[in-house]
Amino acid sequence: MKIGVKFSIILIAIICFSCVNEKKTNQKVELISEVENSNCVFSCDLKNTQVIWSGYKTTDKIKVTGQFNRFKSSKIQKNNQYQSIQNLIEGLDFTIDVGSSFSGDEIRDNNLKHFFFNLFAKDLVINGKFGKLEKDSVNVQLTLFGQERRFKLNAYYENDIIHIQGHVNIIDQLGATKAFESISQKCFDLHKGPDGIPKTWQDVEIYIKAPITKVCN
């Protein structure tokens, strides 16, 4: 009887494992530039879009993640029906209220708002635009205190979701030296690891997940 029970458990585990693997193999990753259909229109679900950031602290490079809760795009507001994902993204402007950053830690969010974002973006607002798509990446332009900053992020389309993701150096690419030094000093003790060495990393990860609605004739 015990042998039968054990065999049943093993069999269920094998079936579940097979189903998980099958689900993963069904995921379809596509180049955004190739996602189009003359009989379909694509629109962005901005309400369910996530704009996620991740920073790093301590010499062990511990990841800290949050997201911006308020952002908008005039292009989406004016017209939200496009023949391709490429037409939707290229030239898409965006405004992010960085004061709406939420990481789940009230003290951290307060420190970031007053000792980083306040020095990073005028009136706690970042304006930007997506430029040309180049195979698996997209050009990004940010305006910070009147200065244009340009960089690239990875871009792909998977299961009706646009993924735009990559890393940016706060000082080298964004020129936000004062903001970086400010948050590093404010979190001097908070960013100490087991070795007692305080470390705030210049590297920041940006990850945008935008659900897409496709309507075909």
C-alpha atoms as a PDB file:
ATOM      1  CA  MET A   1       0.000   0.000   0.000  1.00  0.00           C
ATOM      2  CA  LYS A   2       2.836   2.381   0.901  1.00  0.00           C
ATOM      3  CA  ILE A   3       4.607   1.488  -2.342  1.00  0.00           C
ATOM      4  CA  GLY A   4       1.453   2.352  -4.296  1.00  0.00           C
ATOM      5  CA  VAL A   5       1.135   5.723  -2.574  1.00  0.00           C
ATOM      6  CA  LYS A   6       4.770   6.564  -3.232  1.00  0.00           C
ATOM      7  CA  PHE A   7       4.407   5.560  -6.878  1.00  0.00           C
ATOM      8  CA  SER A   8       1.296   7.756  -7.220  1.00  0.00           C
ATOM      9  CA  ILE A   9       3.115  10.739  -5.723  1.00  0.00           C
ATOM     10  CA  ILE A  10       6.060  10.255  -8.084  1.00  0.00           C
ATOM     11  CA  LEU A  11       3.706   9.911 -11.066  1.00  0.00           C
ATOM     12  CA  ILE A  12       1.846  13.135 -10.159  1.00  0.00           C
ATOM     13  CA  ALA A  13       5.152  14.947  -9.766  1.00  0.00           C
ATOM     14  CA  ILE A  14       6.289  13.773 -13.227  1.00  0.00           C
ATOM     15  CA  ILE A  15       3.008  14.904 -14.820  1.00  0.00           C
ATOM     16  CA  CYS A  16       3.169  18.317 -13.126  1.00  0.00           C
ATOM     17  CA  PHE A  17       6.783  18.743 -14.172  1.00  0.00           C
ATOM     18  CA  SER A  18       5.896  17.859 -17.755  1.00  0.00           C
ATOM     19  CA  CYS A  19       3.031  20.360 -17.781  1.00  0.00           C
ATOM     20  CA  VAL A  20       5.278  23.146 -16.492  1.00  0.00           C
ATOM     21  CA  ASN A  21       7.871  22.401 -19.150  1.00  0.00           C
ATOM     22  CA  GLU A  22       5.205  22.310 -21.853  1.00  0.00           C
ATOM     23  CA  LYS A  23       3.882  25.696 -20.752  1.00  0.00           C
ATOM     24  CA  LYS A  24       7.351  27.198 -20.977  1.00  0.00           C
ATOM     25  CA  THR A  25       7.971  25.835 -24.459  1.00  0.00           C
ATOM     26  CA  ASN A  26       4.699  27.390 -25.654  1.00  0.00           C
ATOM     27  CA  GLN A  27       5.931  30.881 -24.807  1.00  0.00           C
ATOM     28  CA  LYS A  28       6.641  32.821 -27.964  1.00  0.00           C
ATOM     29  CA  VAL A  29       9.322  35.478 -27.968  1.00  0.00           C
ATOM     30  CA  GLU A  30       9.333  37.736 -31.027  1.00  0.00           C
ATOM     31  CA  LEU A  31      11.238  40.721 -32.306  1.00  0.00           C
ATOM     32  CA  ILE A  32       8.985  43.739 -31.932  1.00  0.00           C
ATOM     33  CA  SER A  33       9.814  44.891 -35.451  1.00  0.00           C
ATOM     34  CA  GLU A  34       8.264  41.670 -36.810  1.00  0.00           C
ATOM     35  CA  VAL A  35       4.959  41.862 -34.923  1.00  0.00           C
ATOM     36  CA  GLU A  36       2.409  43.202 -37.370  1.00  0.00           C
ATOM     37  CA  ASN A  37      -0.738  42.087 -39.151  1.00  0.00           C
ATOM     38  CA  SER A  38      -2.658  43.977 -41.824  1.00  0.00           C
ATOM     39  CA  ASN A  39      -5.920  42.604 -40.426  1.00  0.00           C
ATOM     40  CA  CYS A  40      -5.174  43.555 -36.811  1.00  0.00           C
ATOM     41  CA  VAL A  41      -4.674  46.657 -34.710  1.00  0.00           C
ATOM     42  CA  PHE A  42      -2.544  46.812 -31.575  1.00  0.00           C
ATOM     43  CA  SER A  43      -3.162  49.004 -28.543  1.00  0.00           C
ATOM     44  CA  CYS A  44      -1.301  49.465 -25.274  1.00  0.00           C
ATOM     45  CA  ASP A  45      -2.976  48.729 -21.954  1.00  0.00           C
ATOM     46  CA  LEU A  46      -1.425  51.667 -20.117  1.00  0.00           C
ATOM     47  CA  LYS A  47      -3.411  51.106 -16.910  1.00  0.00           C
ATOM     48  CA  ASN A  48      -1.808  47.707 -16.409  1.00  0.00           C
ATOM     49  CA  THR A  49       1.647  48.731 -17.592  1.00  0.00           C
ATOM     50  CA  GLN A  50       4.434  48.447 -15.038  1.00  0.00           C
ATOM     51  CA  VAL A  51       7.469  50.746 -14.902  1.00  0.00           C
ATOM     52  CA  ILE A  52       9.884  48.996 -12.569  1.00  0.00           C
ATOM     53  CA  TRP A  53      13.274  50.111 -11.279  1.00  0.00           C
ATOM     54  CA  SER A  54      15.953  48.196  -9.389  1.00  0.00           C
ATOM     55  CA  GLY A  55      18.970  49.576  -7.550  1.00  0.00           C
ATOM     56  CA  TYR A  56      21.765  47.801  -5.718  1.00  0.00           C
ATOM     57  CA  LYS A  57      23.393  48.186  -2.300  1.00  0.00           C
ATOM     58  CA  THR A  58      26.287  46.662  -0.250  1.00  0.00           C
ATOM     59  CA  THR A  59      29.355  44.999  -1.718  1.00  0.00           C
ATOM     60  CA  ASP A  60      27.225  41.859  -2.206  1.00  0.00           C
ATOM     61  CA  LYS A  61      25.115  43.889  -4.659  1.00  0.00           C
ATOM     62  CA  ILE A  62      21.757  43.245  -3.016  1.00  0.00           C
ATOM     63  CA  LYS A  63      18.873  44.151  -5.312  1.00  0.00           C
ATOM     64  CA  VAL A  64      16.212  46.653  -4.216  1.00  0.00           C
ATOM     65  CA  THR A  65      13.136  46.988  -6.434  1.00  0.00           C
ATOM     66  CA  GLY A  66      10.252  49.428  -6.733  1.00  0.00           C
ATOM     67  CA  GLN A  67       7.968  50.878  -9.372  1.00  0.00           C
ATOM     68  CA  PHE A  68       6.469  54.179 -10.468  1.00  0.00           C
ATOM     69  CA  ASN A  69       2.722  54.346  -9.971  1.00  0.00           C
ATOM     70  CA  ARG A  70       2.007  57.437 -12.091  1.00  0.00           C
ATOM     71  CA  PHE A  71       2.993  57.884 -15.732  1.00  0.00           C
ATOM     72  CA  LYS A  72       1.321  58.804 -19.026  1.00  0.00           C
ATOM     73  CA  SER A  73       1.826  59.163 -22.766  1.00  0.00           C
ATOM     74  CA  SER A  74       0.183  61.740 -25.024  1.00  0.00           C
ATOM     75  CA  LYS A  75       0.683  59.438 -28.032  1.00  0.00           C
ATOM     76  CA  ILE A  76      -1.401  56.712 -26.384  1.00  0.00           C
ATOM     77  CA  GLN A  77      -4.050  59.242 -25.384  1.00  0.00           C
ATOM     78  CA  LYS A  78      -4.365  60.612 -28.924  1.00  0.00           C
ATOM     79  CA  ASN A  79      -4.337  57.336 -30.808  1.00  0.00           C
ATOM     80  CA  ASN A  80      -4.157  53.847 -29.360  1.00  0.00           C
ATOM     81  CA  GLN A  81      -4.619  51.732 -32.467  1.00  0.00           C
ATOM     82  CA  TYR A  82      -1.604  50.779 -34.579  1.00  0.00           C
ATOM     83  CA  GLN A  83      -0.966  48.299 -37.403  1.00  0.00           C
ATOM     84  CA  SER A  84       2.230  47.097 -35.724  1.00  0.00           C
ATOM     85  CA  ILE A  85       3.966  47.122 -32.352  1.00  0.00           C
ATOM     86  CA  GLN A  86       6.823  49.007 -33.974  1.00  0.00           C
ATOM     87  CA  ASN A  87       4.531  51.887 -34.970  1.00  0.00           C
ATOM     88  CA  LEU A  88       3.164  51.953 -31.435  1.00  0.00           C
ATOM     89  CA  ILE A  89       6.565  52.181 -29.744  1.00  0.00           C
ATOM     90  CA  GLU A  90       8.628  54.362 -32.061  1.00  0.00           C
ATOM     91  CA  GLY A  91       8.087  58.002 -31.169  1.00  0.00           C
ATOM     92  CA  LEU A  92       6.093  57.110 -28.054  1.00  0.00           C
ATOM     93  CA  ASP A  93       6.553  59.905 -25.530  1.00  0.00           C
ATOM     94  CA  PHE A  94       6.201  59.382 -21.795  1.00  0.00           C
ATOM     95  CA  THR A  95       6.049  61.410 -18.599  1.00  0.00           C
ATOM     96  CA  ILE A  96       6.912  59.714 -15.310  1.00  0.00           C
ATOM     97  CA  ASP A  97       6.129  61.128 -11.885  1.00  0.00           C
ATOM     98  CA  VAL A  98       9.186  59.800 -10.020  1.00  0.00           C
ATOM     99  CA  GLY A  99       7.651  61.062  -6.798  1.00  0.00           C
ATOM    100  CA  SER A 100       5.196  58.167  -7.126  1.00  0.00           C
ATOM    101  CA  SER A 101       7.970  55.605  -6.638  1.00  0.00           C
ATOM    102  CA  PHE A 102       6.885  52.764  -4.353  1.00  0.00           C
ATOM    103  CA  SER A 103       9.151  50.016  -3.005  1.00  0.00           C
ATOM    104  CA  GLY A 104       7.091  48.839  -0.031  1.00  0.00           C
ATOM    105  CA  ASP A 105       9.428  50.520   2.475  1.00  0.00           C
ATOM    106  CA  GLU A 106       8.201  53.923   3.658  1.00  0.00           C
ATOM    107  CA  ILE A 107      11.608  55.075   4.918  1.00  0.00           C
ATOM    108  CA  ARG A 108      13.336  54.048   1.689  1.00  0.00           C
ATOM    109  CA  ASP A 109      10.674  55.712  -0.472  1.00  0.00           C
ATOM    110  CA  ASN A 110      10.960  58.927   1.522  1.00  0.00           C
ATOM    111  CA  ASN A 111      14.767  58.929   1.244  1.00  0.00           C
ATOM    112  CA  LEU A 112      14.633  58.302  -2.500  1.00  0.00           C
ATOM    113  CA  LYS A 113      12.103  61.065  -3.050  1.00  0.00           C
ATOM    114  CA  HIS A 114      13.927  63.772  -1.097  1.00  0.00           C
ATOM    115  CA  PHE A 115      17.576  62.761  -1.464  1.00  0.00           C
ATOM    116  CA  PHE A 116      17.642  61.282  -4.965  1.00  0.00           C
ATOM    117  CA  PHE A 117      14.673  61.939  -7.247  1.00  0.00           C
ATOM    118  CA  ASN A 118      14.398  65.551  -6.060  1.00  0.00           C
ATOM    119  CA  LEU A 119      17.935  66.121  -7.408  1.00  0.00           C
ATOM    120  CA  PHE A 120      17.460  63.813 -10.357  1.00  0.00           C
ATOM    121  CA  ALA A 121      14.395  65.332 -12.010  1.00  0.00           C
ATOM    122  CA  LYS A 122      12.957  68.849 -11.971  1.00  0.00           C
ATOM    123  CA  ASP A 123       9.627  68.945 -10.125  1.00  0.00           C
ATOM    124  CA  LEU A 124       9.948  65.167  -9.718  1.00  0.00           C
ATOM    125  CA  VAL A 125       9.011  64.630 -13.378  1.00  0.00           C
ATOM    126  CA  ILE A 126      10.937  62.829 -16.102  1.00  0.00           C
ATOM    127  CA  ASN A 127      10.072  63.329 -19.760  1.00  0.00           C
ATOM    128  CA  GLY A 128      11.278  60.990 -22.433  1.00  0.00           C
ATOM    129  CA  LYS A 129      10.649  59.308 -25.752  1.00  0.00           C
ATOM    130  CA  PHE A 130      11.305  55.992 -27.441  1.00  0.00           C
ATOM    131  CA  GLY A 131      13.237  56.298 -30.665  1.00  0.00           C
ATOM    132  CA  LYS A 132      14.000  53.823 -33.420  1.00  0.00           C
ATOM    133  CA  LEU A 133      13.805  50.093 -32.869  1.00  0.00           C
ATOM    134  CA  GLU A 134      16.952  48.216 -33.870  1.00  0.00           C
ATOM    135  CA  LYS A 135      16.241  44.478 -33.997  1.00  0.00           C
ATOM    136  CA  ASP A 136      16.133  43.565 -30.281  1.00  0.00           C
ATOM    137  CA  SER A 137      16.685  47.019 -28.746  1.00  0.00           C
ATOM    138  CA  VAL A 138      15.094  50.453 -28.642  1.00  0.00           C
ATOM    139  CA  ASN A 139      16.684  53.884 -28.374  1.00  0.00           C
ATOM    140  CA  VAL A 140      15.563  55.934 -25.374  1.00  0.00           C
ATOM    141  CA  GLN A 141      15.828  59.670 -24.855  1.00  0.00           C
ATOM    142  CA  LEU A 142      15.379  61.273 -21.425  1.00  0.00           C
ATOM    143  CA  THR A 143      15.272  64.971 -20.593  1.00  0.00           C
ATOM    144  CA  LEU A 144      16.834  65.724 -17.210  1.00  0.00           C
ATOM    145  CA  PHE A 145      17.067  69.380 -16.139  1.00  0.00           C
ATOM    146  CA  GLY A 146      17.054  70.470 -19.765  1.00  0.00           C
ATOM    147  CA  GLN A 147      19.782  68.013 -20.789  1.00  0.00           C
ATOM    148  CA  GLU A 148      19.087  65.157 -23.204  1.00  0.00           C
ATOM    149  CA  ARG A 149      20.401  61.739 -22.254  1.00  0.00           C
ATOM    150  CA  ARG A 150      20.342  58.827 -24.706  1.00  0.00           C
ATOM    151  CA  PHE A 151      20.816  55.100 -24.187  1.00  0.00           C
ATOM    152  CA  LYS A 152      19.486  51.757 -25.403  1.00  0.00           C
ATOM    153  CA  LEU A 153      17.339  49.122 -23.736  1.00  0.00           C
ATOM    154  CA  ASN A 154      16.564  45.560 -24.793  1.00  0.00           C
ATOM    155  CA  ALA A 155      13.104  45.091 -26.303  1.00  0.00           C
ATOM    156  CA  TYR A 156      11.058  42.011 -27.173  1.00  0.00           C
ATOM    157  CA  TYR A 157       7.463  40.822 -27.424  1.00  0.00           C
ATOM    158  CA  GLU A 158       6.239  37.765 -25.528  1.00  0.00           C
ATOM    159  CA  ASN A 159       2.703  36.473 -24.861  1.00  0.00           C
ATOM    160  CA  ASP A 160       1.016  39.800 -25.732  1.00  0.00           C
ATOM    161  CA  ILE A 161       3.374  41.800 -23.518  1.00  0.00           C
ATOM    162  CA  ILE A 162       6.063  44.273 -24.574  1.00  0.00           C
ATOM    163  CA  HIS A 163       9.210  43.895 -22.475  1.00  0.00           C
ATOM    164  CA  ILE A 164      11.702  46.772 -22.421  1.00  0.00           C
ATOM    165  CA  GLN A 165      14.613  46.138 -20.101  1.00  0.00           C
ATOM    166  CA  GLY A 166      18.222  47.064 -19.439  1.00  0.00           C
ATOM    167  CA  HIS A 167      20.791  48.708 -17.210  1.00  0.00           C
ATOM    168  CA  VAL A 168      21.803  52.367 -17.050  1.00  0.00           C
ATOM    169  CA  ASN A 169      24.691  54.000 -15.206  1.00  0.00           C
ATOM    170  CA  ILE A 170      23.410  56.886 -13.085  1.00  0.00           C
ATOM    171  CA  ILE A 171      26.585  58.963 -13.471  1.00  0.00           C
ATOM    172  CA  ASP A 172      28.155  57.943 -16.787  1.00  0.00           C
ATOM    173  CA  GLN A 173      24.951  57.777 -18.837  1.00  0.00           C
ATOM    174  CA  LEU A 174      22.512  60.008 -16.969  1.00  0.00           C
ATOM    175  CA  GLY A 175      24.925  62.553 -15.501  1.00  0.00           C
ATOM    176  CA  ALA A 176      23.104  62.503 -12.150  1.00  0.00           C
ATOM    177  CA  THR A 177      26.218  62.817 -10.010  1.00  0.00           C
ATOM    178  CA  LYS A 178      24.667  65.073  -7.341  1.00  0.00           C
ATOM    179  CA  ALA A 179      21.659  62.794  -6.925  1.00  0.00           C
ATOM    180  CA  PHE A 180      23.893  59.724  -6.641  1.00  0.00           C
ATOM    181  CA  GLU A 181      26.206  61.318  -4.069  1.00  0.00           C
ATOM    182  CA  SER A 182      23.201  62.577  -2.101  1.00  0.00           C
ATOM    183  CA  ILE A 183      21.498  59.180  -1.739  1.00  0.00           C
ATOM    184  CA  SER A 184      24.851  57.466  -1.097  1.00  0.00           C
ATOM    185  CA  GLN A 185      25.550  59.798   1.799  1.00  0.00           C
ATOM    186  CA  LYS A 186      22.010  59.600   3.195  1.00  0.00           C
ATOM    187  CA  CYS A 187      22.039  55.788   3.128  1.00  0.00           C
ATOM    188  CA  PHE A 188      25.665  55.413   4.205  1.00  0.00           C
ATOM    189  CA  ASP A 189      24.865  53.116   7.138  1.00  0.00           C
ATOM    190  CA  LEU A 190      21.862  51.469   5.482  1.00  0.00           C
ATOM    191  CA  HIS A 191      24.016  50.332   2.575  1.00  0.00           C
ATOM    192  CA  LYS A 192      26.584  48.512   4.714  1.00  0.00           C
ATOM    193  CA  GLY A 193      26.817  44.759   4.293  1.00  0.00           C
ATOM    194  CA  PRO A 194      28.247  42.098   6.606  1.00  0.00           C
ATOM    195  CA  ASP A 195      31.745  43.390   5.795  1.00  0.00           C
ATOM    196  CA  GLY A 196      30.837  46.816   7.186  1.00  0.00           C
ATOM    197  CA  ILE A 197      31.643  48.565   3.903  1.00  0.00           C
ATOM    198  CA  PRO A 198      28.976  50.982   2.608  1.00  0.00           C
ATOM    199  CA  LYS A 199      28.277  50.617  -1.105  1.00  0.00           C
ATOM    200  CA  THR A 200      25.737  52.251  -3.422  1.00  0.00           C
ATOM    201  CA  TRP A 201      25.981  51.020  -6.989  1.00  0.00           C
ATOM    202  CA  GLN A 202      25.778  53.377  -9.963  1.00  0.00           C
ATOM    203  CA  ASP A 203      24.084  50.628 -11.961  1.00  0.00           C
ATOM    204  CA  VAL A 204      20.263  50.802 -12.160  1.00  0.00           C
ATOM    205  CA  GLU A 205      17.956  48.374 -13.931  1.00  0.00           C
ATOM    206  CA  ILE A 206      14.881  49.597 -15.808  1.00  0.00           C
ATOM    207  CA  TYR A 207      12.105  47.174 -16.702  1.00  0.00           C
ATOM    208  CA  ILE A 208       8.877  48.101 -18.490  1.00  0.00           C
ATOM    209  CA  LYS A 209       6.099  45.531 -18.965  1.00  0.00           C
ATOM    210  CA  ALA A 210       3.281  46.760 -21.208  1.00  0.00           C
ATOM    211  CA  PRO A 211       0.308  44.479 -21.987  1.00  0.00           C
ATOM    212  CA  ILE A 212      -0.916  44.707 -25.570  1.00  0.00           C
ATOM    213  CA  THR A 213      -4.462  44.252 -26.818  1.00  0.00           C
ATOM    214  CA  LYS A 214      -4.790  42.874 -30.350  1.00  0.00           C
ATOM    215  CA  VAL A 215      -8.050  43.148 -32.282  1.00  0.00           C
ATOM    216  CA  CYS A 216      -8.312  41.448 -35.657  1.00  0.00           C
ATOM    217  CA  ASN A 217     -10.993  41.616 -38.340  1.00  0.00           C
END
